[in-house]
């Protein structure tokens, strides 16, 4: 992504979606928020997993900035309130995911990009399996259909290939 495209995306994130300043570094959390809300509820264990991911993600970012604080506590809390504690529209989350995908995986190190993508998918699976909507559930109903569909969409957006026979 060249600087002009990057600036266009940053301007769009700010003007159309209210993602301001360094909150762009939290866009990795959008797929997790999508998975959290797909069943209409934000359950405690799902929220805990999003926070765990956020803490790890922010710590990783800090290693690249030599310990310089990228995000204030207020910026992080605002983002979490907006996307984790308050239910955003599905359309907003989908639009942000698609827009952010081209922005957040632009590291020169492709292996690092692939590791980030896999970590996002892993946490999405953990979130989907953290709380089921009803017990007992049948063998193929641990994940609800909406979660399965979203997981497939996320993998497509992140350009992660999988062998459906393995699932």
N, C-alpha and C. Protein backbone atom coordinates (compact mmCIF):
# COMPACT_ATOMS: atom_id res chain seq x y z
N UNK A 1 0.86 -1.17 0.00
CA UNK A 1 0.00 0.00 0.00
C UNK A 1 0.90 1.23 0.00
N UNK A 2 0.69 2.12 -0.96
CA UNK A 2 1.52 3.32 -0.99
C UNK A 2 0.99 4.35 0.00
N UNK A 3 1.78 5.40 0.22
CA UNK A 3 1.42 6.40 1.23
C UNK A 3 0.12 7.10 0.92
N UNK A 4 -0.18 7.35 -0.38
CA UNK A 4 -1.44 8.01 -0.74
C UNK A 4 -2.62 7.13 -0.34
N UNK A 5 -2.55 5.83 -0.68
CA UNK A 5 -3.64 4.92 -0.31
C UNK A 5 -3.77 4.82 1.20
N UNK A 6 -2.64 4.76 1.89
CA UNK A 6 -2.64 4.67 3.36
C UNK A 6 -3.33 5.90 3.95
N UNK A 7 -2.99 7.07 3.43
CA UNK A 7 -3.61 8.31 3.91
C UNK A 7 -5.11 8.33 3.63
N UNK A 8 -5.51 7.84 2.45
CA UNK A 8 -6.94 7.76 2.11
C UNK A 8 -7.68 6.86 3.10
N UNK A 9 -7.09 5.70 3.40
CA UNK A 9 -7.71 4.77 4.35
C UNK A 9 -7.79 5.41 5.74
N UNK A 10 -6.71 6.04 6.17
CA UNK A 10 -6.72 6.70 7.48
C UNK A 10 -7.78 7.79 7.55
N UNK A 11 -7.89 8.59 6.49
CA UNK A 11 -8.91 9.64 6.45
C UNK A 11 -10.31 9.06 6.48
N UNK A 12 -10.53 7.98 5.74
CA UNK A 12 -11.83 7.32 5.72
C UNK A 12 -12.17 6.73 7.09
N UNK A 13 -11.20 6.08 7.71
CA UNK A 13 -11.42 5.51 9.05
C UNK A 13 -11.82 6.60 10.03
N UNK A 14 -11.20 7.76 9.92
CA UNK A 14 -11.50 8.87 10.82
C UNK A 14 -12.85 9.50 10.48
N UNK A 15 -13.03 9.90 9.24
CA UNK A 15 -14.23 10.66 8.87
C UNK A 15 -15.51 9.83 8.84
N UNK A 16 -15.42 8.59 8.36
CA UNK A 16 -16.63 7.78 8.20
C UNK A 16 -16.90 6.84 9.38
N UNK A 17 -15.83 6.46 10.10
CA UNK A 17 -16.00 5.44 11.13
C UNK A 17 -15.57 5.87 12.52
N UNK A 18 -15.03 7.08 12.64
CA UNK A 18 -14.63 7.57 13.95
C UNK A 18 -13.46 6.85 14.58
N UNK A 19 -12.66 6.17 13.76
CA UNK A 19 -11.44 5.53 14.24
C UNK A 19 -10.35 6.58 14.10
N UNK A 20 -9.97 7.16 15.24
CA UNK A 20 -9.08 8.30 15.20
C UNK A 20 -7.69 7.98 15.70
N UNK A 21 -6.74 8.74 15.20
CA UNK A 21 -5.36 8.65 15.68
C UNK A 21 -4.82 7.24 15.70
N UNK A 22 -4.24 6.90 16.82
CA UNK A 22 -3.59 5.60 16.95
C UNK A 22 -4.55 4.44 17.19
N UNK A 23 -5.85 4.73 17.25
CA UNK A 23 -6.81 3.63 17.36
C UNK A 23 -6.75 2.70 16.16
N UNK A 24 -6.15 3.14 15.07
CA UNK A 24 -6.00 2.26 13.91
C UNK A 24 -5.20 1.02 14.28
N UNK A 25 -4.36 1.13 15.31
CA UNK A 25 -3.58 -0.03 15.74
C UNK A 25 -4.43 -1.09 16.44
N UNK A 26 -5.67 -0.76 16.72
CA UNK A 26 -6.58 -1.71 17.36
C UNK A 26 -7.49 -2.42 16.36
N UNK A 27 -7.33 -2.14 15.08
CA UNK A 27 -8.20 -2.74 14.07
C UNK A 27 -8.09 -4.25 14.02
N UNK A 28 -7.00 -4.81 14.52
CA UNK A 28 -6.87 -6.27 14.59
C UNK A 28 -7.99 -6.87 15.45
N UNK A 29 -8.59 -6.08 16.33
CA UNK A 29 -9.63 -6.57 17.23
C UNK A 29 -11.01 -6.65 16.56
N UNK A 30 -11.17 -6.04 15.41
CA UNK A 30 -12.49 -6.00 14.75
C UNK A 30 -13.01 -7.41 14.44
N UNK A 31 -12.22 -8.32 13.86
CA UNK A 31 -12.76 -9.67 13.63
C UNK A 31 -13.18 -10.37 14.93
N UNK A 32 -12.46 -10.11 16.01
CA UNK A 32 -12.82 -10.69 17.30
C UNK A 32 -14.16 -10.13 17.78
N UNK A 33 -14.34 -8.83 17.60
CA UNK A 33 -15.62 -8.21 17.98
C UNK A 33 -16.76 -8.79 17.13
N UNK A 34 -16.49 -9.01 15.86
CA UNK A 34 -17.51 -9.63 15.00
C UNK A 34 -17.92 -10.99 15.55
N UNK A 35 -16.93 -11.81 15.90
CA UNK A 35 -17.23 -13.14 16.42
C UNK A 35 -17.95 -13.06 17.75
N UNK A 36 -17.53 -12.14 18.60
CA UNK A 36 -18.15 -11.96 19.90
C UNK A 36 -19.64 -11.66 19.75
N UNK A 37 -20.00 -10.78 18.82
CA UNK A 37 -21.38 -10.30 18.69
C UNK A 37 -22.25 -11.14 17.76
N UNK A 38 -21.70 -12.11 17.04
CA UNK A 38 -22.46 -12.81 16.00
C UNK A 38 -23.70 -13.51 16.55
N UNK A 39 -23.65 -13.92 17.82
CA UNK A 39 -24.82 -14.55 18.43
C UNK A 39 -25.70 -13.55 19.17
N UNK A 40 -25.35 -12.26 19.08
CA UNK A 40 -26.16 -11.22 19.69
C UNK A 40 -25.82 -10.90 21.13
N UNK A 41 -24.87 -11.63 21.71
CA UNK A 41 -24.53 -11.43 23.12
C UNK A 41 -23.02 -11.30 23.29
N UNK A 42 -22.63 -10.47 24.23
CA UNK A 42 -21.21 -10.38 24.59
C UNK A 42 -21.06 -11.00 25.97
N UNK A 43 -20.68 -12.24 25.98
CA UNK A 43 -20.58 -12.99 27.23
C UNK A 43 -19.21 -12.78 27.87
N UNK A 44 -19.16 -12.92 29.19
CA UNK A 44 -17.97 -12.60 29.96
C UNK A 44 -16.71 -13.26 29.43
N UNK A 45 -16.75 -14.56 29.18
CA UNK A 45 -15.53 -15.24 28.73
C UNK A 45 -15.11 -14.75 27.34
N UNK A 46 -16.06 -14.42 26.50
CA UNK A 46 -15.72 -13.87 25.18
C UNK A 46 -15.03 -12.51 25.34
N UNK A 47 -15.57 -11.68 26.20
CA UNK A 47 -14.97 -10.36 26.46
C UNK A 47 -13.56 -10.53 27.00
N UNK A 48 -13.39 -11.48 27.93
CA UNK A 48 -12.06 -11.74 28.50
C UNK A 48 -11.06 -12.11 27.41
N UNK A 49 -11.48 -12.90 26.44
CA UNK A 49 -10.59 -13.29 25.35
C UNK A 49 -10.21 -12.10 24.48
N UNK A 50 -11.15 -11.21 24.23
CA UNK A 50 -10.84 -10.01 23.44
C UNK A 50 -9.81 -9.16 24.20
N UNK A 51 -10.01 -9.02 25.50
CA UNK A 51 -9.05 -8.25 26.30
C UNK A 51 -7.67 -8.92 26.31
N UNK A 52 -7.64 -10.23 26.42
CA UNK A 52 -6.36 -10.95 26.39
C UNK A 52 -5.64 -10.69 25.07
N UNK A 53 -6.38 -10.77 23.98
CA UNK A 53 -5.80 -10.49 22.67
C UNK A 53 -5.29 -9.06 22.62
N UNK A 54 -6.09 -8.12 23.10
CA UNK A 54 -5.71 -6.70 23.06
C UNK A 54 -4.42 -6.45 23.85
N UNK A 55 -4.32 -7.05 25.01
CA UNK A 55 -3.12 -6.87 25.84
C UNK A 55 -1.89 -7.41 25.11
N UNK A 56 -2.01 -8.60 24.54
CA UNK A 56 -0.89 -9.18 23.79
C UNK A 56 -0.52 -8.32 22.58
N UNK A 57 -1.56 -7.86 21.89
CA UNK A 57 -1.35 -7.06 20.69
C UNK A 57 -0.65 -5.74 21.03
N UNK A 58 -1.10 -5.08 22.05
CA UNK A 58 -0.50 -3.81 22.45
C UNK A 58 0.93 -4.02 22.94
N UNK A 59 1.17 -5.11 23.65
CA UNK A 59 2.54 -5.43 24.09
C UNK A 59 3.44 -5.66 22.89
N UNK A 60 2.93 -6.36 21.87
CA UNK A 60 3.72 -6.60 20.66
C UNK A 60 4.04 -5.29 19.95
N UNK A 61 3.04 -4.41 19.87
CA UNK A 61 3.27 -3.11 19.25
C UNK A 61 4.34 -2.32 19.99
N UNK A 62 4.33 -2.43 21.30
CA UNK A 62 5.31 -1.70 22.13
C UNK A 62 6.73 -2.12 21.84
N UNK A 63 6.92 -3.38 21.46
CA UNK A 63 8.28 -3.83 21.15
C UNK A 63 8.80 -3.16 19.88
N UNK A 64 7.89 -2.75 19.00
CA UNK A 64 8.30 -2.10 17.75
C UNK A 64 8.50 -0.59 17.92
N UNK A 65 8.04 -0.05 19.02
CA UNK A 65 8.16 1.39 19.25
C UNK A 65 9.14 1.70 20.37
N UNK A 66 9.92 0.69 20.72
CA UNK A 66 10.92 0.82 21.78
C UNK A 66 10.29 1.32 23.07
N UNK A 67 9.10 0.79 23.39
CA UNK A 67 8.44 1.10 24.65
C UNK A 67 7.63 2.38 24.64
N UNK A 68 7.66 3.13 23.54
CA UNK A 68 6.87 4.35 23.47
C UNK A 68 5.39 3.99 23.45
N UNK A 69 4.61 4.71 24.23
CA UNK A 69 3.18 4.43 24.32
C UNK A 69 2.47 4.89 23.05
N UNK A 70 1.88 3.93 22.33
CA UNK A 70 1.15 4.26 21.10
C UNK A 70 -0.27 4.71 21.39
N UNK A 71 -0.86 4.07 22.38
CA UNK A 71 -2.27 4.32 22.69
C UNK A 71 -2.41 4.70 24.15
N UNK A 72 -3.26 5.67 24.41
CA UNK A 72 -3.55 6.02 25.79
C UNK A 72 -4.58 5.05 26.33
N UNK A 73 -4.68 4.98 27.62
CA UNK A 73 -5.69 4.14 28.25
C UNK A 73 -7.09 4.58 27.80
N UNK A 74 -7.29 5.88 27.66
CA UNK A 74 -8.59 6.41 27.22
C UNK A 74 -8.93 5.95 25.80
N UNK A 75 -7.93 5.94 24.90
CA UNK A 75 -8.17 5.49 23.52
C UNK A 75 -8.56 4.02 23.49
N UNK A 76 -7.86 3.23 24.29
CA UNK A 76 -8.15 1.79 24.34
C UNK A 76 -9.54 1.56 24.93
N UNK A 77 -9.84 2.22 26.02
CA UNK A 77 -11.15 2.06 26.67
C UNK A 77 -12.28 2.51 25.76
N UNK A 78 -12.08 3.60 25.02
CA UNK A 78 -13.09 4.09 24.09
C UNK A 78 -13.36 3.06 23.01
N UNK A 79 -12.30 2.49 22.44
CA UNK A 79 -12.44 1.48 21.40
C UNK A 79 -13.18 0.25 21.93
N UNK A 80 -12.77 -0.22 23.11
CA UNK A 80 -13.40 -1.40 23.70
C UNK A 80 -14.87 -1.13 24.04
N UNK A 81 -15.17 0.03 24.55
CA UNK A 81 -16.56 0.37 24.86
C UNK A 81 -17.40 0.36 23.59
N UNK A 82 -16.85 0.91 22.53
CA UNK A 82 -17.58 1.06 21.28
C UNK A 82 -17.82 -0.27 20.55
N UNK A 83 -16.85 -1.20 20.63
CA UNK A 83 -16.95 -2.42 19.84
C UNK A 83 -17.14 -3.70 20.64
N UNK A 84 -16.81 -3.70 21.92
CA UNK A 84 -16.90 -4.91 22.73
C UNK A 84 -18.03 -4.84 23.76
N UNK A 85 -18.17 -3.69 24.39
CA UNK A 85 -19.18 -3.57 25.45
C UNK A 85 -20.53 -3.08 24.93
N UNK A 86 -20.52 -2.39 23.81
CA UNK A 86 -21.74 -1.91 23.17
C UNK A 86 -21.84 -2.58 21.81
N UNK A 87 -23.00 -3.07 21.49
CA UNK A 87 -23.14 -3.81 20.24
C UNK A 87 -23.19 -2.88 19.02
N UNK A 88 -22.16 -2.93 18.18
CA UNK A 88 -22.19 -2.17 16.93
C UNK A 88 -22.99 -2.94 15.89
N UNK A 89 -23.35 -2.28 14.83
CA UNK A 89 -24.08 -2.98 13.77
C UNK A 89 -23.15 -3.97 13.07
N UNK A 90 -23.75 -5.03 12.58
CA UNK A 90 -22.99 -6.03 11.82
C UNK A 90 -22.37 -5.38 10.59
N UNK A 91 -23.10 -4.47 9.97
CA UNK A 91 -22.62 -3.80 8.77
C UNK A 91 -21.37 -2.96 9.06
N UNK A 92 -21.38 -2.29 10.22
CA UNK A 92 -20.22 -1.49 10.61
C UNK A 92 -19.00 -2.38 10.80
N UNK A 93 -19.17 -3.48 11.52
CA UNK A 93 -18.04 -4.38 11.76
C UNK A 93 -17.51 -4.98 10.46
N UNK A 94 -18.41 -5.39 9.58
CA UNK A 94 -17.99 -5.96 8.30
C UNK A 94 -17.23 -4.94 7.46
N UNK A 95 -17.76 -3.73 7.38
CA UNK A 95 -17.09 -2.67 6.61
C UNK A 95 -15.71 -2.36 7.17
N UNK A 96 -15.62 -2.28 8.50
CA UNK A 96 -14.32 -2.01 9.12
C UNK A 96 -13.33 -3.14 8.87
N UNK A 97 -13.81 -4.38 8.98
CA UNK A 97 -12.91 -5.52 8.74
C UNK A 97 -12.34 -5.47 7.32
N UNK A 98 -13.19 -5.24 6.36
CA UNK A 98 -12.74 -5.24 4.97
C UNK A 98 -11.80 -4.07 4.68
N UNK A 99 -12.11 -2.93 5.25
CA UNK A 99 -11.25 -1.76 5.06
C UNK A 99 -9.92 -1.95 5.78
N UNK A 100 -9.99 -2.46 6.99
CA UNK A 100 -8.79 -2.60 7.82
C UNK A 100 -7.85 -3.68 7.30
N UNK A 101 -8.39 -4.70 6.68
CA UNK A 101 -7.56 -5.82 6.24
C UNK A 101 -6.41 -5.38 5.34
N UNK A 102 -6.69 -4.48 4.44
CA UNK A 102 -5.64 -4.02 3.53
C UNK A 102 -4.64 -3.12 4.25
N UNK A 103 -5.02 -2.62 5.40
CA UNK A 103 -4.19 -1.70 6.14
C UNK A 103 -3.30 -2.39 7.18
N UNK A 104 -3.85 -3.38 7.89
CA UNK A 104 -3.13 -3.93 9.04
C UNK A 104 -2.12 -5.01 8.69
N UNK A 105 -2.19 -5.58 7.53
CA UNK A 105 -1.25 -6.64 7.17
C UNK A 105 -0.25 -6.17 6.12
N UNK A 106 0.40 -5.07 6.41
CA UNK A 106 1.33 -4.47 5.46
C UNK A 106 2.78 -4.51 5.94
N UNK A 107 3.08 -5.41 6.87
CA UNK A 107 4.45 -5.57 7.34
C UNK A 107 5.32 -6.08 6.18
N UNK A 108 6.55 -5.67 6.17
CA UNK A 108 7.47 -6.18 5.16
C UNK A 108 7.69 -7.68 5.34
N UNK A 109 7.65 -8.12 6.58
CA UNK A 109 7.88 -9.52 6.92
C UNK A 109 6.57 -10.30 6.75
N UNK A 110 6.46 -11.05 5.66
CA UNK A 110 5.24 -11.80 5.37
C UNK A 110 4.95 -12.86 6.43
N UNK A 111 6.00 -13.43 6.99
CA UNK A 111 5.80 -14.42 8.04
C UNK A 111 5.11 -13.78 9.25
N UNK A 112 5.48 -12.56 9.55
CA UNK A 112 4.84 -11.84 10.66
C UNK A 112 3.37 -11.57 10.34
N UNK A 113 3.07 -11.20 9.10
CA UNK A 113 1.69 -10.99 8.69
C UNK A 113 0.87 -12.28 8.86
N UNK A 114 1.44 -13.40 8.41
CA UNK A 114 0.74 -14.69 8.51
C UNK A 114 0.52 -15.09 9.97
N UNK A 115 1.49 -14.82 10.82
CA UNK A 115 1.33 -15.13 12.24
C UNK A 115 0.22 -14.29 12.87
N UNK A 116 0.14 -13.02 12.49
CA UNK A 116 -0.93 -12.15 13.01
C UNK A 116 -2.30 -12.66 12.56
N UNK A 117 -2.40 -13.03 11.29
CA UNK A 117 -3.66 -13.55 10.77
C UNK A 117 -4.07 -14.82 11.53
N UNK A 118 -3.13 -15.71 11.73
CA UNK A 118 -3.43 -16.96 12.41
C UNK A 118 -3.85 -16.71 13.86
N UNK A 119 -3.19 -15.76 14.51
CA UNK A 119 -3.55 -15.43 15.90
C UNK A 119 -4.99 -14.88 15.96
N UNK A 120 -5.36 -14.06 14.99
CA UNK A 120 -6.73 -13.54 14.94
C UNK A 120 -7.72 -14.69 14.79
N UNK A 121 -7.46 -15.59 13.84
CA UNK A 121 -8.35 -16.73 13.63
C UNK A 121 -8.41 -17.61 14.87
N UNK A 122 -7.27 -17.88 15.48
CA UNK A 122 -7.24 -18.71 16.69
C UNK A 122 -8.10 -18.11 17.79
N UNK A 123 -7.98 -16.81 18.00
CA UNK A 123 -8.80 -16.17 19.03
C UNK A 123 -10.28 -16.16 18.65
N UNK A 124 -10.58 -16.02 17.37
CA UNK A 124 -11.99 -16.08 16.93
C UNK A 124 -12.57 -17.46 17.23
N UNK A 125 -11.80 -18.50 16.99
CA UNK A 125 -12.26 -19.86 17.31
C UNK A 125 -12.47 -19.99 18.81
N UNK A 126 -11.53 -19.45 19.60
CA UNK A 126 -11.67 -19.50 21.05
C UNK A 126 -12.92 -18.76 21.51
N UNK A 127 -13.19 -17.62 20.91
CA UNK A 127 -14.38 -16.84 21.27
C UNK A 127 -15.64 -17.61 20.91
N UNK A 128 -15.67 -18.19 19.71
CA UNK A 128 -16.85 -18.94 19.28
C UNK A 128 -17.12 -20.13 20.20
N UNK A 129 -16.06 -20.75 20.70
CA UNK A 129 -16.25 -21.93 21.54
C UNK A 129 -16.34 -21.61 23.03
N UNK A 130 -16.14 -20.35 23.39
CA UNK A 130 -16.13 -19.97 24.80
C UNK A 130 -17.51 -20.06 25.45
N UNK A 131 -18.53 -19.82 24.68
CA UNK A 131 -19.88 -19.83 25.26
C UNK A 131 -20.85 -20.34 24.20
N UNK A 132 -21.51 -21.42 24.52
CA UNK A 132 -22.52 -21.94 23.60
C UNK A 132 -23.88 -21.41 24.02
N UNK A 133 -24.78 -21.34 23.06
CA UNK A 133 -26.08 -20.74 23.35
C UNK A 133 -27.03 -21.68 24.08
N UNK A 134 -26.80 -22.98 23.97
CA UNK A 134 -27.67 -23.92 24.69
C UNK A 134 -26.95 -25.22 24.95
N UNK A 135 -27.32 -25.85 26.06
CA UNK A 135 -26.82 -27.18 26.44
C UNK A 135 -28.01 -28.09 26.54
N UNK A 136 -27.93 -29.34 26.29
CA UNK A 136 -26.79 -29.93 25.60
C UNK A 136 -26.82 -29.55 24.13
N UNK A 137 -25.72 -29.66 23.49
CA UNK A 137 -25.64 -29.38 22.06
C UNK A 137 -25.21 -30.65 21.34
N UNK A 138 -25.66 -30.76 20.11
CA UNK A 138 -25.30 -31.94 19.32
C UNK A 138 -23.87 -31.81 18.81
N UNK A 139 -23.34 -32.89 18.34
CA UNK A 139 -21.95 -32.99 17.91
C UNK A 139 -21.51 -31.83 17.01
N UNK A 140 -22.31 -31.40 16.08
CA UNK A 140 -21.93 -30.36 15.13
C UNK A 140 -22.49 -28.99 15.48
N UNK A 141 -22.96 -28.83 16.70
CA UNK A 141 -23.59 -27.57 17.08
C UNK A 141 -22.86 -26.81 18.17
N UNK A 142 -21.62 -27.15 18.43
CA UNK A 142 -20.83 -26.37 19.40
C UNK A 142 -20.72 -24.93 18.92
N UNK A 143 -20.52 -24.78 17.63
CA UNK A 143 -20.52 -23.47 16.98
C UNK A 143 -21.87 -23.33 16.29
N UNK A 144 -22.50 -22.17 16.43
CA UNK A 144 -23.75 -21.95 15.72
C UNK A 144 -23.45 -21.67 14.25
N UNK A 145 -24.46 -21.82 13.42
CA UNK A 145 -24.26 -21.64 11.97
C UNK A 145 -23.68 -20.26 11.64
N UNK A 146 -24.13 -19.23 12.35
CA UNK A 146 -23.63 -17.87 12.09
C UNK A 146 -22.14 -17.78 12.38
N UNK A 147 -21.68 -18.45 13.43
CA UNK A 147 -20.25 -18.45 13.77
C UNK A 147 -19.45 -19.17 12.69
N UNK A 148 -19.97 -20.29 12.21
CA UNK A 148 -19.29 -21.03 11.15
C UNK A 148 -19.17 -20.18 9.88
N UNK A 149 -20.27 -19.53 9.54
CA UNK A 149 -20.27 -18.69 8.34
C UNK A 149 -19.29 -17.53 8.50
N UNK A 150 -19.31 -16.88 9.66
CA UNK A 150 -18.40 -15.76 9.90
C UNK A 150 -16.96 -16.22 9.87
N UNK A 151 -16.67 -17.35 10.46
CA UNK A 151 -15.29 -17.87 10.45
C UNK A 151 -14.82 -18.07 9.01
N UNK A 152 -15.68 -18.59 8.17
CA UNK A 152 -15.35 -18.77 6.76
C UNK A 152 -15.09 -17.42 6.09
N UNK A 153 -15.93 -16.43 6.38
CA UNK A 153 -15.76 -15.08 5.82
C UNK A 153 -14.45 -14.46 6.29
N UNK A 154 -14.16 -14.62 7.57
CA UNK A 154 -12.92 -14.07 8.11
C UNK A 154 -11.70 -14.68 7.44
N UNK A 155 -11.74 -15.99 7.27
CA UNK A 155 -10.61 -16.67 6.63
C UNK A 155 -10.47 -16.21 5.18
N UNK A 156 -11.57 -15.96 4.52
CA UNK A 156 -11.52 -15.47 3.15
C UNK A 156 -10.95 -14.04 3.12
N UNK A 157 -11.45 -13.18 4.00
CA UNK A 157 -10.96 -11.81 4.06
C UNK A 157 -9.47 -11.77 4.37
N UNK A 158 -9.04 -12.61 5.30
CA UNK A 158 -7.63 -12.64 5.70
C UNK A 158 -6.77 -13.44 4.73
N UNK A 159 -7.41 -14.03 3.72
CA UNK A 159 -6.72 -14.83 2.71
C UNK A 159 -5.98 -16.00 3.35
N UNK A 160 -6.71 -16.70 4.21
CA UNK A 160 -6.18 -17.91 4.84
C UNK A 160 -6.88 -19.08 4.18
N UNK A 161 -6.10 -19.96 3.61
CA UNK A 161 -6.68 -21.14 2.96
C UNK A 161 -6.76 -22.28 3.96
N UNK A 162 -7.81 -23.07 3.82
CA UNK A 162 -7.93 -24.23 4.69
C UNK A 162 -8.56 -25.36 3.90
N UNK A 163 -8.34 -26.54 4.38
CA UNK A 163 -8.91 -27.73 3.77
C UNK A 163 -10.20 -28.04 4.50
N UNK A 164 -11.33 -27.83 3.85
CA UNK A 164 -12.63 -28.02 4.51
C UNK A 164 -12.83 -29.45 5.00
N UNK A 165 -12.10 -30.38 4.45
CA UNK A 165 -12.23 -31.77 4.93
C UNK A 165 -11.65 -31.94 6.32
N UNK A 166 -10.79 -31.00 6.72
CA UNK A 166 -10.17 -31.09 8.03
C UNK A 166 -11.07 -30.53 9.13
N UNK A 167 -12.09 -29.79 8.75
CA UNK A 167 -12.97 -29.14 9.74
C UNK A 167 -14.17 -29.99 10.05
